[in-house]
Amino acid sequence: MSYLAQINISAPKGLENIYNDLGKSSPDLALGDWISKLLQYSIIIAGLIFFVKLISAGFSYMTSAGDSAKVQAATKEITNALIGLLLVVSVFFIKQILETVFGIKIL
């Protein structure tokens, strides 16, 4: 672990068992460990955000009643949500490729 990620924080009440997943013997985790644990769920979070944005934009699209400005706004929202999801997924796969090629653990 790098020196930048050596800030130790205590496990919040109710989350004491998270350190067992990381192989730690105490509930004090480095900040980098917490960030690493949260980033594992980034694709799930991005997928849920994409789903909510897609439903919202679809509802706006259906209720636009032919108003071209509302249709364009809904289309732009769908496009932006898809770009965001693709960005998160591509970063995840690029990280996996870099870990494999260079044999290092990134977060």
Protein backbone atom coordinates (compact mmCIF):
# COMPACT_ATOMS: atom_id res chain seq x y z
CA MET A 1 0.00 0.00 0.00
CA SER A 2 1.35 3.46 -0.81
CA TYR A 3 2.05 6.13 1.78
CA LEU A 4 -0.83 8.24 0.49
CA ALA A 5 -3.32 5.59 1.55
CA GLN A 6 -1.99 5.13 5.10
CA ILE A 7 -4.61 7.25 6.86
CA ASN A 8 -6.26 4.91 9.36
CA ILE A 9 -9.92 5.26 10.26
CA SER A 10 -12.03 3.23 12.63
CA ALA A 11 -14.83 1.04 11.38
CA PRO A 12 -18.25 2.68 11.86
CA LYS A 13 -20.66 1.03 14.25
CA GLY A 14 -22.41 -1.85 12.50
CA LEU A 15 -19.70 -2.31 9.86
CA GLU A 16 -17.07 -3.94 12.04
CA ASN A 17 -17.03 -7.12 9.93
CA ILE A 18 -15.94 -5.41 6.73
CA TYR A 19 -12.30 -5.68 7.78
CA ASN A 20 -12.58 -9.48 7.75
CA ASP A 21 -13.10 -9.31 3.97
CA LEU A 22 -9.83 -7.42 3.64
CA GLY A 23 -7.87 -9.82 5.83
CA LYS A 24 -7.27 -7.24 8.55
CA SER A 25 -6.93 -8.24 12.18
CA SER A 26 -8.36 -5.01 13.58
CA PRO A 27 -11.28 -2.76 12.68
CA ASP A 28 -8.87 0.08 11.79
CA LEU A 29 -8.65 0.28 8.01
CA ALA A 30 -6.55 2.50 5.83
CA LEU A 31 -8.47 5.02 3.77
CA GLY A 32 -7.33 3.24 0.61
CA ASP A 33 -8.95 0.03 1.83
CA TRP A 34 -12.28 1.81 2.30
CA ILE A 35 -12.09 3.40 -1.14
CA SER A 36 -11.17 0.05 -2.68
CA LYS A 37 -14.13 -1.63 -0.99
CA LEU A 38 -16.53 1.09 -2.17
CA LEU A 39 -15.22 1.02 -5.75
CA GLN A 40 -16.12 -2.65 -6.03
CA TYR A 41 -19.74 -1.53 -6.09
CA SER A 42 -19.24 1.30 -8.58
CA ILE A 43 -20.65 -0.65 -11.53
CA ILE A 44 -23.74 -1.63 -9.55
CA ILE A 45 -24.27 1.97 -8.45
CA ALA A 46 -23.72 3.24 -12.00
CA GLY A 47 -26.21 0.67 -13.31
CA LEU A 48 -28.85 1.75 -10.81
CA ILE A 49 -28.31 5.42 -11.64
CA PHE A 50 -28.54 4.60 -15.35
CA PHE A 51 -31.78 2.70 -14.79
CA VAL A 52 -33.36 5.59 -12.85
CA LYS A 53 -32.24 8.12 -15.48
CA LEU A 54 -33.55 5.89 -18.27
CA ILE A 55 -36.97 5.56 -16.62
CA SER A 56 -37.07 9.32 -15.96
CA ALA A 57 -36.11 10.19 -19.53
CA GLY A 58 -38.56 7.63 -20.93
CA PHE A 59 -41.36 9.15 -18.89
CA SER A 60 -40.37 12.64 -20.11
CA TYR A 61 -40.27 11.34 -23.68
CA MET A 62 -43.73 9.77 -23.43
CA THR A 63 -45.29 12.86 -21.85
CA SER A 64 -43.68 15.33 -24.26
CA ALA A 65 -46.83 15.32 -26.44
CA GLY A 66 -44.79 15.96 -29.57
CA ASP A 67 -42.99 19.03 -28.23
CA SER A 68 -39.65 18.86 -30.01
CA ALA A 69 -37.75 20.62 -27.20
CA LYS A 70 -38.94 18.08 -24.63
CA VAL A 71 -38.18 15.18 -26.99
CA GLN A 72 -34.65 16.49 -27.55
CA ALA A 73 -34.13 16.98 -23.80
CA ALA A 74 -35.27 13.42 -23.08
CA THR A 75 -33.08 12.04 -25.86
CA LYS A 76 -30.10 13.97 -24.52
CA GLU A 77 -30.74 12.63 -21.01
CA ILE A 78 -30.81 9.05 -22.31
CA THR A 79 -27.62 9.64 -24.27
CA ASN A 80 -25.82 11.17 -21.28
CA ALA A 81 -26.90 8.32 -19.01
CA LEU A 82 -25.63 5.76 -21.52
CA ILE A 83 -22.31 7.60 -21.91
CA GLY A 84 -21.88 7.66 -18.12
CA LEU A 85 -22.58 3.95 -17.81
CA LEU A 86 -20.19 3.10 -20.64
CA LEU A 87 -17.52 5.30 -19.06
CA VAL A 88 -17.74 3.51 -15.69
CA VAL A 89 -17.73 0.07 -17.30
CA SER A 90 -14.82 0.92 -19.61
CA VAL A 91 -12.75 2.28 -16.70
CA PHE A 92 -13.40 -0.97 -14.82
CA PHE A 93 -12.20 -3.07 -17.77
CA ILE A 94 -9.18 -0.84 -18.41
CA LYS A 95 -8.26 -1.28 -14.74
CA GLN A 96 -8.56 -5.05 -15.10
CA ILE A 97 -6.38 -5.05 -18.22
CA LEU A 98 -3.70 -2.91 -16.57
CA GLU A 99 -3.65 -5.18 -13.52
CA THR A 100 -3.22 -8.23 -15.75
CA VAL A 101 -0.57 -6.76 -18.05
CA PHE A 102 1.59 -5.15 -15.38
CA GLY A 103 0.89 -7.65 -12.60
CA ILE A 104 -0.01 -4.96 -10.07
CA LYS A 105 -3.05 -4.46 -7.85
CA ILE A 106 -4.81 -1.16 -8.50
CA LEU A 107 -7.04 -0.33 -5.56
